[in-house]
Amino acid sequence: MQILGMKPGHDGAFALLQNAELKFSFEAEKNSFLRFPPISPSSLLDAAGLCDGIPDCIALGGWSKGPQRADFSVGAGYLGVGREHARIGTTKFFGKQVTLFEGTHESSHIWCSYGLSPFAGTFPCYALVWEGRIGRFYCLNEDGSVTAYPQVMVDPGGKYVFMFMLADPSYVD
């Protein structure tokens, strides 16, 4: 089973899981590239060159087109947690019928931080997402459900970068 993950928008990325093993992961902004770049056609060619064929599943991370545009979504969108915000279907990918999984950007933060933590496999587990638009705690439950608590802070990323802009007027984000 091969699953190709794609994260569109700024800080774009590709990752491939093959039989539950991470084969590669690369992000557009790593290796001294510009901050916030999207994945590009050459990124797709790089990812395709590292695959052993057409993936069985494409996992598309949700996004929004433009700042503060939750109504103009890519995939499952930016905000939302839980099964009602995920979509599973099929699509053609280079002529092959594949499974398409779409999850929200918010859910991606939650499950990636959980999966990379020393607490993976432990339930219930609590997580904090502190990023551009979201500052919230969550409870991850054994049945795969997620309880989202009220926001601690709205737009923490914008508030954080504001301090840099005050200190250095030449700083552009």
Foldseek 3Di string as FASTA:
>chain_A
DKEWEWEFWFQTKIWIADPNRTQDIDTPPPPPRDGGDGQDPVNVVVVVVSDPDDGQEYEYEKEADDPPPQVRIDFLGADDFDPVSKDWDWDADPRDIHIYIYHHNVHCQVVVCLVPDPCNVDPQDKDFDQDQAATWIWTQHPVRGIDTDDGPDGGNVVVVVVVVCVVPVVDDD
